[in-house]
Amino acid sequence: MGAIDENTNLADYIVNSPFTIDEFKDFQVPPGGALWQAEAAQGSHDDCLFAAAIACHVEKTILYGETEPLSEKRRRLAEEAARKQAIAARVNARVDFQNSDWTADEVSSGEDQPPPWENFSAEEEKEWM
């Protein structure tokens, strides 16, 4: 309709239906109204026009948009949030032999040792996170 394909120099969407073309002609914005108030003229229809708009939206979404199902995305985001909360809780928690990789002797020795996660390699950090 308005976008041109860079590879073919053809319109992305071509309307061949005379019904849809007629609906485009009858689609109007009320005088003094905003664009979002556009509708079919009195006694006309806009079903084919909206079906075409939905088709364009779906095509763009499939081509350029999200490919992950919404339920999977929500599950993944919830898991990430829970993981971040668990990490934040560990960072603020008291470090002792019960919640770290240190032994009781290392903790009670009084030496100022960095937390075990500061000495992780990138690979170990991924496993721990």
Protein backbone atom coordinates (compact mmCIF):
# COMPACT_ATOMS: atom_id res chain seq x y z
CA MET A 1 0.00 0.00 0.00
CA GLY A 2 2.55 2.58 1.09
CA ALA A 3 5.77 0.64 1.62
CA ILE A 4 7.96 -0.41 -1.28
CA ASP A 5 10.00 -3.62 -1.16
CA GLU A 6 13.69 -2.76 -1.52
CA ASN A 7 14.43 -5.91 -3.51
CA THR A 8 11.60 -5.88 -6.04
CA ASN A 9 10.61 -2.18 -6.05
CA LEU A 10 6.99 -3.31 -5.83
CA ALA A 11 4.45 -2.37 -3.20
CA ASP A 12 4.46 -4.62 -0.14
CA TYR A 13 0.69 -5.02 -0.34
CA ILE A 14 -1.39 -4.75 -3.48
CA VAL A 15 -5.18 -4.53 -3.29
CA ASN A 16 -6.90 -6.23 -6.20
CA SER A 17 -10.38 -6.58 -4.75
CA PRO A 18 -12.92 -4.08 -6.09
CA PHE A 19 -14.85 -4.42 -2.80
CA THR A 20 -11.84 -3.39 -0.74
CA ILE A 21 -10.98 -0.55 -3.13
CA ASP A 22 -14.57 0.76 -2.78
CA GLU A 23 -14.26 0.59 1.00
CA PHE A 24 -11.02 2.57 0.84
CA LYS A 25 -12.85 5.25 -1.13
CA ASP A 26 -15.64 5.41 1.47
CA PHE A 27 -13.34 5.45 4.50
CA GLN A 28 -13.19 8.94 5.99
CA VAL A 29 -12.31 11.02 9.03
CA PRO A 30 -15.27 13.00 10.42
CA PRO A 31 -14.92 16.77 9.86
CA GLY A 32 -12.80 18.18 12.67
CA GLY A 33 -12.12 14.67 13.95
CA ALA A 34 -8.85 12.88 14.69
CA LEU A 35 -7.36 10.18 12.47
CA TRP A 36 -8.22 7.46 15.01
CA GLN A 37 -11.90 8.35 14.51
CA ALA A 38 -11.84 7.34 10.86
CA GLU A 39 -14.72 5.12 9.80
CA ALA A 40 -16.78 4.08 6.83
CA ALA A 41 -19.18 6.67 5.46
CA GLN A 42 -22.83 6.39 6.46
CA GLY A 43 -24.35 3.33 4.76
CA SER A 44 -20.92 1.91 3.76
CA HIS A 45 -18.85 -0.94 5.13
CA ASP A 46 -15.24 -1.19 6.29
CA ASP A 47 -14.94 -4.96 6.93
CA CYS A 48 -12.64 -5.70 3.98
CA LEU A 49 -10.52 -2.64 4.80
CA PHE A 50 -9.95 -3.79 8.38
CA ALA A 51 -9.30 -7.37 7.23
CA ALA A 52 -6.59 -5.99 4.95
CA ALA A 53 -5.14 -3.92 7.81
CA ILE A 54 -5.05 -6.97 10.09
CA ALA A 55 -3.38 -9.01 7.33
CA CYS A 56 -0.69 -6.33 6.93
CA HIS A 57 -0.11 -6.23 10.68
CA VAL A 58 0.13 -10.02 10.97
CA GLU A 59 2.53 -10.20 8.03
CA LYS A 60 4.82 -7.54 9.53
CA THR A 61 4.68 -9.20 12.94
CA ILE A 62 5.60 -12.58 11.52
CA LEU A 63 8.32 -11.16 9.29
CA TYR A 64 9.90 -8.64 11.65
CA GLY A 65 8.33 -9.15 15.05
CA GLU A 66 8.18 -11.64 17.84
CA THR A 67 8.64 -15.28 16.99
CA GLU A 68 8.42 -16.54 20.57
CA PRO A 69 4.88 -17.51 21.65
CA LEU A 70 3.44 -15.15 24.25
CA SER A 71 3.03 -17.90 26.86
CA GLU A 72 6.69 -18.90 26.47
CA LYS A 73 7.80 -15.27 26.68
CA ARG A 74 5.83 -14.76 29.90
CA ARG A 75 7.27 -17.96 31.39
CA ARG A 76 10.82 -16.95 30.42
CA LEU A 77 10.42 -13.43 31.84
CA ALA A 78 8.99 -14.83 35.10
CA GLU A 79 11.96 -17.21 35.41
CA GLU A 80 14.40 -14.35 34.75
CA ALA A 81 12.71 -12.18 37.39
CA ALA A 82 12.81 -15.02 39.94
CA ARG A 83 16.48 -15.65 39.17
CA LYS A 84 17.31 -11.94 39.60
CA GLN A 85 15.45 -11.86 42.93
CA ALA A 86 17.32 -14.95 44.12
CA ILE A 87 20.66 -13.38 43.17
CA ALA A 88 19.73 -10.11 44.90
CA ALA A 89 18.78 -12.06 48.02
CA ARG A 90 22.13 -13.89 47.99
CA VAL A 91 24.09 -10.68 47.51
CA ASN A 92 22.44 -9.06 50.53
CA ALA A 93 22.51 -12.22 52.66
CA ARG A 94 25.11 -12.90 55.31
CA VAL A 95 27.82 -15.11 53.85
CA ASP A 96 28.75 -18.08 56.01
CA PHE A 97 29.64 -21.74 55.57
CA GLN A 98 25.93 -22.68 55.17
CA ASN A 99 25.20 -20.52 52.14
CA SER A 100 28.57 -20.34 50.36
CA ASP A 101 31.33 -22.52 49.01
CA TRP A 102 33.51 -21.71 52.03
CA THR A 103 34.09 -24.20 54.77
CA ALA A 104 33.38 -23.39 58.42
CA ASP A 105 37.13 -23.16 59.04
CA GLU A 106 37.62 -20.64 56.23
CA VAL A 107 34.78 -18.48 57.54
CA SER A 108 35.97 -18.61 61.17
CA SER A 109 39.60 -17.91 60.22
CA GLY A 110 38.70 -14.23 60.02
CA GLU A 111 40.63 -13.68 56.80
CA ASP A 112 39.07 -11.09 54.54
CA GLN A 113 38.26 -13.27 51.55
CA PRO A 114 36.20 -12.18 48.57
CA PRO A 115 32.92 -14.01 48.03
CA PRO A 116 33.37 -17.15 45.93
CA TRP A 117 31.42 -15.70 42.99
CA GLU A 118 34.03 -12.96 42.49
CA ASN A 119 36.60 -15.62 41.53
CA PHE A 120 34.38 -17.44 39.06
CA SER A 121 35.37 -17.83 35.45
CA ALA A 122 32.81 -16.66 32.90
CA GLU A 123 31.70 -20.27 32.40
CA GLU A 124 31.27 -20.92 36.15
CA GLU A 125 29.40 -17.63 36.52
CA LYS A 126 26.86 -18.68 33.88
CA GLU A 127 26.26 -21.95 35.74
CA TRP A 128 25.90 -20.17 39.09
CA MET A 129 23.55 -17.48 37.76
